[in-house]
Amino acid sequence: GDIVPAGDGELKAFKGCCVTVVGKEWGSFGDGVIDMGGEGAKHTR
């Protein structure tokens, strides 16, 4: 949206979840991996 001040006021946040953007086909140098279970789950929050 427009450039407006940030840093004060009231927010509400849904905790315990996140929007995760994933490429259906194509990756890039800065893209990575998330494992939701098993040993891989220990590597990221």
ModelCIF file with pLDDT and N, C-alpha, C, O atoms, coordinates in Angstrom:
data_MODEL
#
_entry.id   MODEL 
#
_entity.id                         1 
_entity.type                       polymer 
_entity.pdbx_number_of_molecules   1 
#
_entity_poly.entity_id                      1 
_entity_poly.type                           'polypeptide(L)' 
_entity_poly.nstd_linkage                   no 
_entity_poly.nstd_monomer                   no 
_entity_poly.pdbx_seq_one_letter_code       GDIVPAGDGELKAFKGCCVTVVGKEWGSFGDGVIDMGGEGAKHTR 
_entity_poly.pdbx_seq_one_letter_code_can   GDIVPAGDGELKAFKGCCVTVVGKEWGSFGDGVIDMGGEGAKHTR 
_entity_poly.pdbx_strand_id                 A 
#
loop_
_entity_poly_seq.entity_id 
_entity_poly_seq.num 
_entity_poly_seq.mon_id 
_entity_poly_seq.hetero 
1 1  GLY n 
1 2  ASP n 
1 3  ILE n 
1 4  VAL n 
1 5  PRO n 
1 6  ALA n 
1 7  GLY n 
1 8  ASP n 
1 9  GLY n 
1 10 GLU n 
1 11 LEU n 
1 12 LYS n 
1 13 ALA n 
1 14 PHE n 
1 15 LYS n 
1 16 GLY n 
1 17 CYS n 
1 18 CYS n 
1 19 VAL n 
1 20 THR n 
1 21 VAL n 
1 22 VAL n 
1 23 GLY n 
1 24 LYS n 
1 25 GLU n 
1 26 TRP n 
1 27 GLY n 
1 28 SER n 
1 29 PHE n 
1 30 GLY n 
1 31 ASP n 
1 32 GLY n 
1 33 VAL n 
1 34 ILE n 
1 35 ASP n 
1 36 MET n 
1 37 GLY n 
1 38 GLY n 
1 39 GLU n 
1 40 GLY n 
1 41 ALA n 
1 42 LYS n 
1 43 HIS n 
1 44 THR n 
1 45 ARG n 
#
_struct_asym.id          A 
_struct_asym.entity_id   1 
#
loop_
_ma_qa_metric.id 
_ma_qa_metric.mode 
_ma_qa_metric.name 
_ma_qa_metric.software_group_id 
_ma_qa_metric.type 
1 global pLDDT . pLDDT 
2 local  pLDDT . pLDDT 
#
_ma_qa_metric_global.metric_id      1 
_ma_qa_metric_global.metric_value   97.11 
_ma_qa_metric_global.model_id       1 
_ma_qa_metric_global.ordinal_id     1 
#
loop_
_ma_qa_metric_local.label_asym_id 
_ma_qa_metric_local.label_comp_id 
_ma_qa_metric_local.label_seq_id 
_ma_qa_metric_local.metric_id 
_ma_qa_metric_local.metric_value 
_ma_qa_metric_local.model_id 
_ma_qa_metric_local.ordinal_id 
A GLY 1  2 97.00 1 1  
A ASP 2  2 97.00 1 2  
A ILE 3  2 98.00 1 3  
A VAL 4  2 97.00 1 4  
A PRO 5  2 97.00 1 5  
A ALA 6  2 98.00 1 6  
A GLY 7  2 97.00 1 7  
A ASP 8  2 97.00 1 8  
A GLY 9  2 97.00 1 9  
A GLU 10 2 98.00 1 10 
A LEU 11 2 98.00 1 11 
A LYS 12 2 98.00 1 12 
A ALA 13 2 98.00 1 13 
A PHE 14 2 98.00 1 14 
A LYS 15 2 98.00 1 15 
A GLY 16 2 98.00 1 16 
A CYS 17 2 98.00 1 17 
A CYS 18 2 98.00 1 18 
A VAL 19 2 98.00 1 19 
A THR 20 2 98.00 1 20 
A VAL 21 2 98.00 1 21 
A VAL 22 2 98.00 1 22 
A GLY 23 2 98.00 1 23 
A LYS 24 2 97.00 1 24 
A GLU 25 2 95.00 1 25 
A TRP 26 2 96.00 1 26 
A GLY 27 2 95.00 1 27 
A SER 28 2 96.00 1 28 
A PHE 29 2 95.00 1 29 
A GLY 30 2 95.00 1 30 
A ASP 31 2 98.00 1 31 
A GLY 32 2 98.00 1 32 
A VAL 33 2 98.00 1 33 
A ILE 34 2 98.00 1 34 
A ASP 35 2 98.00 1 35 
A MET 36 2 98.00 1 36 
A GLY 37 2 98.00 1 37 
A GLY 38 2 97.00 1 38 
A GLU 39 2 96.00 1 39 
A GLY 40 2 97.00 1 40 
A ALA 41 2 97.00 1 41 
A LYS 42 2 95.00 1 42 
A HIS 43 2 95.00 1 43 
A THR 44 2 95.00 1 44 
A ARG 45 2 96.00 1 45 
#
loop_
_atom_site.group_PDB 
_atom_site.id 
_atom_site.type_symbol 
_atom_site.label_atom_id 
_atom_site.label_alt_id 
_atom_site.label_comp_id 
_atom_site.label_asym_id 
_atom_site.label_entity_id 
_atom_site.label_seq_id 
_atom_site.pdbx_PDB_ins_code 
_atom_site.Cartn_x 
_atom_site.Cartn_y 
_atom_site.Cartn_z 
_atom_site.occupancy 
_atom_site.B_iso_or_equiv 
_atom_site.pdbx_formal_charge 
_atom_site.auth_seq_id 
_atom_site.auth_comp_id 
_atom_site.auth_asym_id 
_atom_site.auth_atom_id 
_atom_site.pdbx_PDB_model_num 
ATOM 1   N N  . GLY A 1 1  ? 0.827  -1.195  0.000   1.00 97.00 ? 1  GLY A N  1 
ATOM 2   C CA . GLY A 1 1  ? 0.000  0.000   0.000   1.00 97.00 ? 1  GLY A CA 1 
ATOM 3   C C  . GLY A 1 1  ? 0.862  1.247   0.000   1.00 97.00 ? 1  GLY A C  1 
ATOM 4   O O  . GLY A 1 1  ? 2.058  1.189   -0.287  1.00 97.00 ? 1  GLY A O  1 
ATOM 5   N N  . ASP A 1 2  ? 0.250  2.371   0.323   1.00 97.00 ? 2  ASP A N  1 
ATOM 6   C CA . ASP A 1 2  ? 0.955  3.651   0.310   1.00 97.00 ? 2  ASP A CA 1 
ATOM 7   C C  . ASP A 1 2  ? 2.095  3.675   1.331   1.00 97.00 ? 2  ASP A C  1 
ATOM 8   O O  . ASP A 1 2  ? 2.134  2.885   2.274   1.00 97.00 ? 2  ASP A O  1 
ATOM 9   N N  . ILE A 1 3  ? 3.007  4.600   1.108   1.00 98.00 ? 3  ILE A N  1 
ATOM 10  C CA . ILE A 1 3  ? 4.084  4.819   2.072   1.00 98.00 ? 3  ILE A CA 1 
ATOM 11  C C  . ILE A 1 3  ? 3.514  5.641   3.228   1.00 98.00 ? 3  ILE A C  1 
ATOM 12  O O  . ILE A 1 3  ? 3.210  6.825   3.082   1.00 98.00 ? 3  ILE A O  1 
ATOM 13  N N  . VAL A 1 4  ? 3.379  4.988   4.367   1.00 97.00 ? 4  VAL A N  1 
ATOM 14  C CA . VAL A 1 4  ? 2.816  5.617   5.558   1.00 97.00 ? 4  VAL A CA 1 
ATOM 15  C C  . VAL A 1 4  ? 3.738  5.308   6.730   1.00 97.00 ? 4  VAL A C  1 
ATOM 16  O O  . VAL A 1 4  ? 4.547  4.384   6.648   1.00 97.00 ? 4  VAL A O  1 
ATOM 17  N N  . PRO A 1 5  ? 3.628  6.071   7.830   1.00 97.00 ? 5  PRO A N  1 
ATOM 18  C CA . PRO A 1 5  ? 4.487  5.789   8.986   1.00 97.00 ? 5  PRO A CA 1 
ATOM 19  C C  . PRO A 1 5  ? 4.252  4.396   9.546   1.00 97.00 ? 5  PRO A C  1 
ATOM 20  O O  . PRO A 1 5  ? 3.132  3.885   9.519   1.00 97.00 ? 5  PRO A O  1 
ATOM 21  N N  . ALA A 1 6  ? 5.308  3.790   10.049  1.00 98.00 ? 6  ALA A N  1 
ATOM 22  C CA . ALA A 1 6  ? 5.226  2.508   10.751  1.00 98.00 ? 6  ALA A CA 1 
ATOM 23  C C  . ALA A 1 6  ? 5.922  2.666   12.103  1.00 98.00 ? 6  ALA A C  1 
ATOM 24  O O  . ALA A 1 6  ? 6.725  3.577   12.304  1.00 98.00 ? 6  ALA A O  1 
ATOM 25  N N  . GLY A 1 7  ? 5.599  1.764   13.017  1.00 97.00 ? 7  GLY A N  1 
ATOM 26  C CA . GLY A 1 7  ? 6.308  1.750   14.297  1.00 97.00 ? 7  GLY A CA 1 
ATOM 27  C C  . GLY A 1 7  ? 5.490  2.178   15.488  1.00 97.00 ? 7  GLY A C  1 
ATOM 28  O O  . GLY A 1 7  ? 5.960  2.077   16.622  1.00 97.00 ? 7  GLY A O  1 
ATOM 29  N N  . ASP A 1 8  ? 4.260  2.660   15.264  1.00 97.00 ? 8  ASP A N  1 
ATOM 30  C CA . ASP A 1 8  ? 3.407  2.987   16.399  1.00 97.00 ? 8  ASP A CA 1 
ATOM 31  C C  . ASP A 1 8  ? 1.968  2.586   16.071  1.00 97.00 ? 8  ASP A C  1 
ATOM 32  O O  . ASP A 1 8  ? 1.612  2.378   14.911  1.00 97.00 ? 8  ASP A O  1 
ATOM 33  N N  . GLY A 1 9  ? 1.157  2.482   17.115  1.00 97.00 ? 9  GLY A N  1 
ATOM 34  C CA . GLY A 1 9  ? -0.230 2.087   16.913  1.00 97.00 ? 9  GLY A CA 1 
ATOM 35  C C  . GLY A 1 9  ? -0.479 0.657   17.379  1.00 97.00 ? 9  GLY A C  1 
ATOM 36  O O  . GLY A 1 9  ? 0.316  0.081   18.122  1.00 97.00 ? 9  GLY A O  1 
ATOM 37  N N  . GLU A 1 10 ? -1.598 0.098   16.927  1.00 98.00 ? 10 GLU A N  1 
ATOM 38  C CA . GLU A 1 10 ? -2.019 -1.227  17.357  1.00 98.00 ? 10 GLU A CA 1 
ATOM 39  C C  . GLU A 1 10 ? -2.061 -2.205  16.188  1.00 98.00 ? 10 GLU A C  1 
ATOM 40  O O  . GLU A 1 10 ? -2.543 -1.890  15.100  1.00 98.00 ? 10 GLU A O  1 
ATOM 41  N N  . LEU A 1 11 ? -1.546 -3.386  16.448  1.00 98.00 ? 11 LEU A N  1 
ATOM 42  C CA . LEU A 1 11 ? -1.586 -4.500  15.506  1.00 98.00 ? 11 LEU A CA 1 
ATOM 43  C C  . LEU A 1 11 ? -2.260 -5.687  16.170  1.00 98.00 ? 11 LEU A C  1 
ATOM 44  O O  . LEU A 1 11 ? -2.314 -5.769  17.397  1.00 98.00 ? 11 LEU A O  1 
ATOM 45  N N  . LYS A 1 12 ? -2.767 -6.598  15.370  1.00 98.00 ? 12 LYS A N  1 
ATOM 46  C CA . LYS A 1 12 ? -3.112 -7.930  15.836  1.00 98.00 ? 12 LYS A CA 1 
ATOM 47  C C  . LYS A 1 12 ? -2.386 -8.930  14.941  1.00 98.00 ? 12 LYS A C  1 
ATOM 48  O O  . LYS A 1 12 ? -2.263 -8.729  13.733  1.00 98.00 ? 12 LYS A O  1 
ATOM 49  N N  . ALA A 1 13 ? -1.907 -10.013 15.559  1.00 98.00 ? 13 ALA A N  1 
ATOM 50  C CA . ALA A 1 13 ? -1.106 -10.985 14.826  1.00 98.00 ? 13 ALA A CA 1 
ATOM 51  C C  . ALA A 1 13 ? -1.589 -12.398 15.121  1.00 98.00 ? 13 ALA A C  1 
ATOM 52  O O  . ALA A 1 13 ? -1.860 -12.748 16.270  1.00 98.00 ? 13 ALA A O  1 
ATOM 53  N N  . PHE A 1 14 ? -1.693 -13.208 14.063  1.00 98.00 ? 14 PHE A N  1 
ATOM 54  C CA . PHE A 1 14 ? -1.958 -14.631 14.232  1.00 98.00 ? 14 PHE A CA 1 
ATOM 55  C C  . PHE A 1 14 ? -0.638 -15.331 14.544  1.00 98.00 ? 14 PHE A C  1 
ATOM 56  O O  . PHE A 1 14 ? 0.273  -15.350 13.715  1.00 98.00 ? 14 PHE A O  1 
ATOM 57  N N  . LYS A 1 15 ? -0.540 -15.900 15.735  1.00 98.00 ? 15 LYS A N  1 
ATOM 58  C CA . LYS A 1 15 ? 0.695  -16.541 16.183  1.00 98.00 ? 15 LYS A CA 1 
ATOM 59  C C  . LYS A 1 15 ? 0.622  -18.056 15.984  1.00 98.00 ? 15 LYS A C  1 
ATOM 60  O O  . LYS A 1 15 ? -0.441 -18.672 16.063  1.00 98.00 ? 15 LYS A O  1 
ATOM 61  N N  . GLY A 1 16 ? 1.791  -18.619 15.725  1.00 98.00 ? 16 GLY A N  1 
ATOM 62  C CA . GLY A 1 16 ? 1.866  -20.063 15.536  1.00 98.00 ? 16 GLY A CA 1 
ATOM 63  C C  . GLY A 1 16 ? 1.687  -20.493 14.103  1.00 98.00 ? 16 GLY A C  1 
ATOM 64  O O  . GLY A 1 16 ? 1.598  -21.687 13.814  1.00 98.00 ? 16 GLY A O  1 
ATOM 65  N N  . CYS A 1 17 ? 1.633  -19.524 13.195  1.00 98.00 ? 17 CYS A N  1 
ATOM 66  C CA . CYS A 1 17 ? 1.496  -19.841 11.773  1.00 98.00 ? 17 CYS A CA 1 
ATOM 67  C C  . CYS A 1 17 ? 2.259  -18.817 10.959  1.00 98.00 ? 17 CYS A C  1 
ATOM 68  O O  . CYS A 1 17 ? 2.645  -17.765 11.469  1.00 98.00 ? 17 CYS A O  1 
ATOM 69  N N  . CYS A 1 18 ? 2.472  -19.127 9.706   1.00 98.00 ? 18 CYS A N  1 
ATOM 70  C CA . CYS A 1 18 ? 3.118  -18.162 8.808   1.00 98.00 ? 18 CYS A CA 1 
ATOM 71  C C  . CYS A 1 18 ? 2.675  -18.445 7.385   1.00 98.00 ? 18 CYS A C  1 
ATOM 72  O O  . CYS A 1 18 ? 2.344  -19.578 7.036   1.00 98.00 ? 18 CYS A O  1 
ATOM 73  N N  . VAL A 1 19 ? 2.673  -17.407 6.574   1.00 98.00 ? 19 VAL A N  1 
ATOM 74  C CA . VAL A 1 19 ? 2.528  -17.566 5.128   1.00 98.00 ? 19 VAL A CA 1 
ATOM 75  C C  . VAL A 1 19 ? 3.895  -17.954 4.584   1.00 98.00 ? 19 VAL A C  1 
ATOM 76  O O  . VAL A 1 19 ? 4.884  -17.257 4.811   1.00 98.00 ? 19 VAL A O  1 
ATOM 77  N N  . THR A 1 20 ? 3.945  -19.058 3.873   1.00 98.00 ? 20 THR A N  1 
ATOM 78  C CA . THR A 1 20 ? 5.199  -19.555 3.303   1.00 98.00 ? 20 THR A CA 1 
ATOM 79  C C  . THR A 1 20 ? 5.065  -19.557 1.782   1.00 98.00 ? 20 THR A C  1 
ATOM 80  O O  . THR A 1 20 ? 4.245  -20.285 1.221   1.00 98.00 ? 20 THR A O  1 
ATOM 81  N N  . VAL A 1 21 ? 5.879  -18.736 1.124   1.00 98.00 ? 21 VAL A N  1 
ATOM 82  C CA . VAL A 1 21 ? 5.804  -18.605 -0.334  1.00 98.00 ? 21 VAL A CA 1 
ATOM 83  C C  . VAL A 1 21 ? 6.726  -19.655 -0.968  1.00 98.00 ? 21 VAL A C  1 
ATOM 84  O O  . VAL A 1 21 ? 7.906  -19.746 -0.631  1.00 98.00 ? 21 VAL A O  1 
ATOM 85  N N  . VAL A 1 22 ? 6.160  -20.446 -1.893  1.00 98.00 ? 22 VAL A N  1 
ATOM 86  C CA . VAL A 1 22 ? 6.877  -21.580 -2.476  1.00 98.00 ? 22 VAL A CA 1 
ATOM 87  C C  . VAL A 1 22 ? 6.773  -21.525 -3.996  1.00 98.00 ? 22 VAL A C  1 
ATOM 88  O O  . VAL A 1 22 ? 5.704  -21.251 -4.542  1.00 98.00 ? 22 VAL A O  1 
ATOM 89  N N  . GLY A 1 23 ? 7.877  -21.784 -4.670  1.00 98.00 ? 23 GLY A N  1 
ATOM 90  C CA . GLY A 1 23 ? 7.844  -21.883 -6.121  1.00 98.00 ? 23 GLY A CA 1 
ATOM 91  C C  . GLY A 1 23 ? 7.273  -23.235 -6.543  1.00 98.00 ? 23 GLY A C  1 
ATOM 92  O O  . GLY A 1 23 ? 7.750  -24.277 -6.091  1.00 98.00 ? 23 GLY A O  1 
ATOM 93  N N  . LYS A 1 24 ? 6.268  -23.227 -7.397  1.00 97.00 ? 24 LYS A N  1 
ATOM 94  C CA . LYS A 1 24 ? 5.689  -24.491 -7.865  1.00 97.00 ? 24 LYS A CA 1 
ATOM 95  C C  . LYS A 1 24 ? 6.663  -25.254 -8.754  1.00 97.00 ? 24 LYS A C  1 
ATOM 96  O O  . LYS A 1 24 ? 6.699  -26.484 -8.739  1.00 97.00 ? 24 LYS A O  1 
ATOM 97  N N  . GLU A 1 25 ? 7.456  -24.509 -9.531  1.00 95.00 ? 25 GLU A N  1 
ATOM 98  C CA . GLU A 1 25 ? 8.387  -25.142 -10.462 1.00 95.00 ? 25 GLU A CA 1 
ATOM 99  C C  . GLU A 1 25 ? 9.827  -24.696 -10.241 1.00 95.00 ? 25 GLU A C  1 
ATOM 100 O O  . GLU A 1 25 ? 10.743 -25.517 -10.198 1.00 95.00 ? 25 GLU A O  1 
ATOM 101 N N  . TRP A 1 26 ? 10.015 -23.376 -10.100 1.00 96.00 ? 26 TRP A N  1 
ATOM 102 C CA . TRP A 1 26 ? 11.357 -22.818 -10.224 1.00 96.00 ? 26 TRP A CA 1 
ATOM 103 C C  . TRP A 1 26 ? 11.893 -22.300 -8.899  1.00 96.00 ? 26 TRP A C  1 
ATOM 104 O O  . TRP A 1 26 ? 11.185 -21.655 -8.126  1.00 96.00 ? 26 TRP A O  1 
ATOM 105 N N  . GLY A 1 27 ? 13.185 -22.604 -8.658  1.00 95.00 ? 27 GLY A N  1 
ATOM 106 C CA . GLY A 1 27 ? 13.878 -22.103 -7.481  1.00 95.00 ? 27 GLY A CA 1 
ATOM 107 C C  . GLY A 1 27 ? 14.904 -21.064 -7.852  1.00 95.00 ? 27 GLY A C  1 
ATOM 108 O O  . GLY A 1 27 ? 15.072 -20.729 -9.024  1.00 95.00 ? 27 GLY A O  1 
ATOM 109 N N  . SER A 1 28 ? 15.596 -20.551 -6.841  1.00 96.00 ? 28 SER A N  1 
ATOM 110 C CA . SER A 1 28 ? 16.578 -19.495 -7.028  1.00 96.00 ? 28 SER A CA 1 
ATOM 111 C C  . SER A 1 28 ? 17.667 -19.656 -5.983  1.00 96.00 ? 28 SER A C  1 
ATOM 112 O O  . SER A 1 28 ? 17.511 -20.411 -5.024  1.00 96.00 ? 28 SER A O  1 
ATOM 113 N N  . PHE A 1 29 ? 18.754 -18.955 -6.169  1.00 95.00 ? 29 PHE A N  1 
ATOM 114 C CA . PHE A 1 29 ? 19.906 -19.019 -5.265  1.00 95.00 ? 29 PHE A CA 1 
ATOM 115 C C  . PHE A 1 29 ? 19.501 -18.756 -3.814  1.00 95.00 ? 29 PHE A C  1 
ATOM 116 O O  . PHE A 1 29 ? 20.035 -19.387 -2.902  1.00 95.00 ? 29 PHE A O  1 
ATOM 117 N N  . GLY A 1 30 ? 18.576 -17.843 -3.593  1.00 95.00 ? 30 GLY A N  1 
ATOM 118 C CA . GLY A 1 30 ? 18.191 -17.463 -2.242  1.00 95.00 ? 30 GLY A CA 1 
ATOM 119 C C  . GLY A 1 30 ? 17.073 -18.275 -1.648  1.00 95.00 ? 30 GLY A C  1 
ATOM 120 O O  . GLY A 1 30 ? 16.650 -18.005 -0.524  1.00 95.00 ? 30 GLY A O  1 
ATOM 121 N N  . ASP A 1 31 ? 16.573 -19.275 -2.375  1.00 98.00 ? 31 ASP A N  1 
ATOM 122 C CA . ASP A 1 31 ? 15.454 -20.083 -1.891  1.00 98.00 ? 31 ASP A CA 1 
ATOM 123 C C  . ASP A 1 31 ? 15.974 -21.303 -1.142  1.00 98.00 ? 31 ASP A C  1 
ATOM 124 O O  . ASP A 1 31 ? 17.107 -21.733 -1.355  1.00 98.00 ? 31 ASP A O  1 
ATOM 125 N N  . GLY A 1 32 ? 15.140 -21.861 -0.262  1.00 98.00 ? 32 GLY A N  1 
ATOM 126 C CA . GLY A 1 32 ? 15.627 -22.940 0.581   1.00 98.00 ? 32 GLY A CA 1 
ATOM 127 C C  . GLY A 1 32 ? 14.630 -24.048 0.821   1.00 98.00 ? 32 GLY A C  1 
ATOM 128 O O  . GLY A 1 32 ? 13.625 -24.179 0.121   1.00 98.00 ? 32 GLY A O  1 
ATOM 129 N N  . VAL A 1 33 ? 14.939 -24.850 1.840   1.00 98.00 ? 33 VAL A N  1 
ATOM 130 C CA . VAL A 1 33 ? 14.197 -26.058 2.175   1.00 98.00 ? 33 VAL A CA 1 
ATOM 131 C C  . VAL A 1 33 ? 13.653 -25.946 3.598   1.00 98.00 ? 33 VAL A C  1 
ATOM 132 O O  . VAL A 1 33 ? 14.330 -25.427 4.486   1.00 98.00 ? 33 VAL A O  1 
ATOM 133 N N  . ILE A 1 34 ? 12.431 -26.433 3.812   1.00 98.00 ? 34 ILE A N  1 
ATOM 134 C CA . ILE A 1 34 ? 11.861 -26.612 5.143   1.00 98.00 ? 34 ILE A CA 1 
ATOM 135 C C  . ILE A 1 34 ? 11.367 -28.048 5.237   1.00 98.00 ? 34 ILE A C  1 
ATOM 136 O O  . ILE A 1 34 ? 10.613 -28.501 4.376   1.00 98.00 ? 34 ILE A O  1 
ATOM 137 N N  . ASP A 1 35 ? 11.784 -28.768 6.274   1.00 98.00 ? 35 ASP A N  1 
ATOM 138 C CA . ASP A 1 35 ? 11.215 -30.073 6.589   1.00 98.00 ? 35 ASP A CA 1 
ATOM 139 C C  . ASP A 1 35 ? 10.307 -29.913 7.800   1.00 98.00 ? 35 ASP A C  1 
ATOM 140 O O  . ASP A 1 35 ? 10.707 -29.326 8.805   1.00 98.00 ? 35 ASP A O  1 
ATOM 141 N N  . MET A 1 36 ? 9.096  -30.429 7.710   1.00 98.00 ? 36 MET A N  1 
ATOM 142 C CA . MET A 1 36 ? 8.133  -30.280 8.797   1.00 98.00 ? 36 MET A CA 1 
ATOM 143 C C  . MET A 1 36 ? 8.241  -31.387 9.842   1.00 98.00 ? 36 MET A C  1 
ATOM 144 O O  . MET A 1 36 ? 7.743  -31.230 10.956  1.00 98.00 ? 36 MET A O  1 
ATOM 145 N N  . GLY A 1 37 ? 8.881  -32.497 9.502   1.00 98.00 ? 37 GLY A N  1 
ATOM 146 C CA . GLY A 1 37 ? 9.007  -33.604 10.445  1.00 98.00 ? 37 GLY A CA 1 
ATOM 147 C C  . GLY A 1 37 ? 10.351 -34.284 10.318  1.00 98.00 ? 37 GLY A C  1 
ATOM 148 O O  . GLY A 1 37 ? 11.159 -33.926 9.461   1.00 98.00 ? 37 GLY A O  1 
ATOM 149 N N  . GLY A 1 38 ? 10.597 -35.285 11.187  1.00 97.00 ? 38 GLY A N  1 
ATOM 150 C CA . GLY A 1 38 ? 11.828 -36.043 11.144  1.00 97.00 ? 38 GLY A CA 1 
ATOM 151 C C  . GLY A 1 38 ? 13.038 -35.232 11.566  1.00 97.00 ? 38 GLY A C  1 
ATOM 152 O O  . GLY A 1 38 ? 12.909 -34.178 12.188  1.00 97.00 ? 38 GLY A O  1 
ATOM 153 N N  . GLU A 1 39 ? 14.226 -35.741 11.218  1.00 96.00 ? 39 GLU A N  1 
ATOM 154 C CA . GLU A 1 39 ? 15.476 -35.070 11.589  1.00 96.00 ? 39 GLU A CA 1 
ATOM 155 C C  . GLU A 1 39 ? 15.587 -33.684 10.966  1.00 96.00 ? 39 GLU A C  1 
ATOM 156 O O  . GLU A 1 39 ? 16.161 -32.772 11.560  1.00 96.00 ? 39 GLU A O  1 
ATOM 157 N N  . GLY A 1 40 ? 15.035 -33.532 9.767   1.00 97.00 ? 40 GLY A N  1 
ATOM 158 C CA . GLY A 1 40 ? 15.121 -32.244 9.086   1.00 97.00 ? 40 GLY A CA 1 
ATOM 159 C C  . GLY A 1 40 ? 14.417 -31.126 9.821   1.00 97.00 ? 40 GLY A C  1 
ATOM 160 O O  . GLY A 1 40 ? 14.793 -29.961 9.691   1.00 97.00 ? 40 GLY A O  1 
ATOM 161 N N  . ALA A 1 41 ? 13.385 -31.472 10.604  1.00 97.00 ? 41 ALA A N  1 
ATOM 162 C CA . ALA A 1 41 ? 12.621 -30.453 11.338  1.00 97.00 ? 41 ALA A CA 1 
ATOM 163 C C  . ALA A 1 41 ? 13.474 -29.760 12.385  1.00 97.00 ? 41 ALA A C  1 
ATOM 164 O O  . ALA A 1 41 ? 13.131 -28.669 12.841  1.00 97.00 ? 41 ALA A O  1 
ATOM 165 N N  . LYS A 1 42 ? 14.584 -30.382 12.771  1.00 95.00 ? 42 LYS A N  1 
ATOM 166 C CA . LYS A 1 42 ? 15.442 -29.805 13.807  1.00 95.00 ? 42 LYS A CA 1 
ATOM 167 C C  . LYS A 1 42 ? 16.276 -28.631 13.277  1.00 95.00 ? 42 LYS A C  1 
ATOM 168 O O  . LYS A 1 42 ? 16.926 -27.927 14.051  1.00 95.00 ? 42 LYS A O  1 
ATOM 169 N N  . HIS A 1 43 ? 16.253 -28.428 11.973  1.00 95.00 ? 43 HIS A N  1 
ATOM 170 C CA . HIS A 1 43 ? 17.152 -27.443 11.380  1.00 95.00 ? 43 HIS A CA 1 
ATOM 171 C C  . HIS A 1 43 ? 16.561 -26.036 11.273  1.00 95.00 ? 43 HIS A C  1 
ATOM 172 O O  . HIS A 1 43 ? 17.307 -25.075 11.088  1.00 95.00 ? 43 HIS A O  1 
ATOM 173 N N  . THR A 1 44 ? 15.243 -25.894 11.385  1.00 95.00 ? 44 THR A N  1 
ATOM 174 C CA . THR A 1 44 ? 14.660 -24.562 11.278  1.00 95.00 ? 44 THR A CA 1 
ATOM 175 C C  . THR A 1 44 ? 13.488 -24.396 12.235  1.00 95.00 ? 44 THR A C  1 
ATOM 176 O O  . THR A 1 44 ? 12.865 -25.375 12.645  1.00 95.00 ? 44 THR A O  1 
ATOM 177 N N  . ARG A 1 45 ? 13.197 -23.154 12.584  1.00 96.00 ? 45 ARG A N  1 
ATOM 178 C CA . ARG A 1 45 ? 12.041 -22.837 13.424  1.00 96.00 ? 45 ARG A CA 1 
ATOM 179 C C  . ARG A 1 45 ? 10.720 -23.011 12.680  1.00 96.00 ? 45 ARG A C  1 
ATOM 180 O O  . ARG A 1 45 ? 9.654  -22.782 13.251  1.00 96.00 ? 45 ARG A O  1 
#
